[in-house]
Amino acid sequence: MDAEALGYELSWTVSPAMRGSGIGSAMVVKLANDISKPIRAEIKKGNIASIRIAESAGMVFEREDGEVLYYRRAALP
């Protein structure tokens, strides 16, 4: 698969002082809405906050490999 088909891999970190405030979801949703190509994220198993962020950005669970969960959103029309 070429880079165009893979799209963009998103990664994020939220300061401990700001966790639970919604800032993570807000920033990832904003970015995801500006990207029309597919997006994806690799999230450590058990990281519920990042799973929620990925899902709020329209990504869906694709597969699990060991301790990593793979999320993906198709290209936007």
C-alpha atoms as a PDB file:
ATOM      1  CA  MET A   1       0.000   0.000   0.000  1.00  0.00           C
ATOM      2  CA  ASP A   2       1.365   3.434  -0.871  1.00  0.00           C
ATOM      3  CA  ALA A   3       1.497   6.482   1.390  1.00  0.00           C
ATOM      4  CA  GLU A   4      -1.541   8.071  -0.292  1.00  0.00           C
ATOM      5  CA  ALA A   5      -3.684   5.060   0.578  1.00  0.00           C
ATOM      6  CA  LEU A   6      -2.372   4.931   4.153  1.00  0.00           C
ATOM      7  CA  GLY A   7      -3.192   8.577   4.830  1.00  0.00           C
ATOM      8  CA  TYR A   8      -2.004  10.149   8.062  1.00  0.00           C
ATOM      9  CA  GLU A   9      -1.087   8.652  11.396  1.00  0.00           C
ATOM     10  CA  LEU A  10      -2.179  10.911  14.245  1.00  0.00           C
ATOM     11  CA  SER A  11      -0.523  10.963  17.629  1.00  0.00           C
ATOM     12  CA  TRP A  12      -1.330  13.120  20.624  1.00  0.00           C
ATOM     13  CA  THR A  13      -0.322  13.846  24.192  1.00  0.00           C
ATOM     14  CA  VAL A  14      -2.276  15.859  26.721  1.00  0.00           C
ATOM     15  CA  SER A  15      -0.596  17.526  29.685  1.00  0.00           C
ATOM     16  CA  PRO A  16      -1.494  15.770  32.941  1.00  0.00           C
ATOM     17  CA  ALA A  17      -2.901  19.059  34.238  1.00  0.00           C
ATOM     18  CA  MET A  18      -5.358  19.242  31.306  1.00  0.00           C
ATOM     19  CA  ARG A  19      -6.451  15.594  31.163  1.00  0.00           C
ATOM     20  CA  GLY A  20     -10.185  15.139  31.513  1.00  0.00           C
ATOM     21  CA  SER A  21     -10.908  18.677  30.281  1.00  0.00           C
ATOM     22  CA  GLY A  22     -11.874  17.686  26.741  1.00  0.00           C
ATOM     23  CA  ILE A  23      -8.927  19.487  25.167  1.00  0.00           C
ATOM     24  CA  GLY A  24      -7.536  16.251  23.680  1.00  0.00           C
ATOM     25  CA  SER A  25     -10.758  15.406  21.876  1.00  0.00           C
ATOM     26  CA  ALA A  26     -11.202  18.998  20.740  1.00  0.00           C
ATOM     27  CA  MET A  27      -7.743  19.229  19.182  1.00  0.00           C
ATOM     28  CA  VAL A  28      -7.836  15.804  17.495  1.00  0.00           C
ATOM     29  CA  VAL A  29     -11.372  16.319  16.152  1.00  0.00           C
ATOM     30  CA  LYS A  30     -10.371  19.731  14.770  1.00  0.00           C
ATOM     31  CA  LEU A  31      -7.340  18.263  13.040  1.00  0.00           C
ATOM     32  CA  ALA A  32      -9.210  15.194  11.759  1.00  0.00           C
ATOM     33  CA  ASN A  33     -11.931  17.399  10.275  1.00  0.00           C
ATOM     34  CA  ASP A  34      -9.268  19.256   8.292  1.00  0.00           C
ATOM     35  CA  ILE A  35      -7.837  16.048   6.784  1.00  0.00           C
ATOM     36  CA  SER A  36      -9.759  14.448   3.934  1.00  0.00           C
ATOM     37  CA  LYS A  37      -7.367  11.509   3.502  1.00  0.00           C
ATOM     38  CA  PRO A  38      -7.621   8.407   5.700  1.00  0.00           C
ATOM     39  CA  ILE A  39      -6.357   8.791   9.251  1.00  0.00           C
ATOM     40  CA  ARG A  40      -5.147   6.187  11.710  1.00  0.00           C
ATOM     41  CA  ALA A  41      -3.834   5.863  15.255  1.00  0.00           C
ATOM     42  CA  GLU A  42      -2.014   3.212  17.250  1.00  0.00           C
ATOM     43  CA  ILE A  43      -3.130   3.177  20.872  1.00  0.00           C
ATOM     44  CA  LYS A  44      -1.779   1.178  23.780  1.00  0.00           C
ATOM     45  CA  LYS A  45      -4.280  -1.354  25.054  1.00  0.00           C
ATOM     46  CA  GLY A  46      -5.977   0.007  28.169  1.00  0.00           C
ATOM     47  CA  ASN A  47      -5.549   3.691  27.246  1.00  0.00           C
ATOM     48  CA  ILE A  48      -9.256   4.465  27.533  1.00  0.00           C
ATOM     49  CA  ALA A  49      -8.793   8.241  27.171  1.00  0.00           C
ATOM     50  CA  SER A  50      -7.002   7.891  23.828  1.00  0.00           C
ATOM     51  CA  ILE A  51      -9.554   5.346  22.609  1.00  0.00           C
ATOM     52  CA  ARG A  52     -12.299   7.877  23.332  1.00  0.00           C
ATOM     53  CA  ILE A  53     -10.351  10.608  21.546  1.00  0.00           C
ATOM     54  CA  ALA A  54      -9.860   8.422  18.469  1.00  0.00           C
ATOM     55  CA  GLU A  55     -13.545   7.509  18.408  1.00  0.00           C
ATOM     56  CA  SER A  56     -14.588  11.149  18.818  1.00  0.00           C
ATOM     57  CA  ALA A  57     -12.520  11.906  15.699  1.00  0.00           C
ATOM     58  CA  GLY A  58     -14.458   9.287  13.737  1.00  0.00           C
ATOM     59  CA  MET A  59     -11.886   6.499  13.922  1.00  0.00           C
ATOM     60  CA  VAL A  60     -13.078   2.961  14.482  1.00  0.00           C
ATOM     61  CA  PHE A  61     -11.316  -0.028  15.945  1.00  0.00           C
ATOM     62  CA  GLU A  62      -9.660  -2.057  13.215  1.00  0.00           C
ATOM     63  CA  ARG A  63      -7.551  -4.693  14.940  1.00  0.00           C
ATOM     64  CA  GLU A  64      -5.418  -5.593  17.934  1.00  0.00           C
ATOM     65  CA  ASP A  65      -1.829  -6.772  17.797  1.00  0.00           C
ATOM     66  CA  GLY A  66      -0.336  -7.601  21.188  1.00  0.00           C
ATOM     67  CA  GLU A  67      -0.631  -4.500  23.344  1.00  0.00           C
ATOM     68  CA  VAL A  68      -1.494  -2.158  20.452  1.00  0.00           C
ATOM     69  CA  LEU A  69      -4.972  -1.262  19.208  1.00  0.00           C
ATOM     70  CA  TYR A  70      -5.274   0.038  15.642  1.00  0.00           C
ATOM     71  CA  TYR A  71      -7.909   2.643  14.819  1.00  0.00           C
ATOM     72  CA  ARG A  72      -8.738   4.020  11.373  1.00  0.00           C
ATOM     73  CA  ARG A  73     -11.064   6.442   9.627  1.00  0.00           C
ATOM     74  CA  ALA A  74     -11.620   6.228   5.881  1.00  0.00           C
ATOM     75  CA  ALA A  75     -11.047   9.194   3.599  1.00  0.00           C
ATOM     76  CA  LEU A  76     -13.738  11.837   3.692  1.00  0.00           C
ATOM     77  CA  PRO A  77     -15.810  12.400   0.528  1.00  0.00           C
END
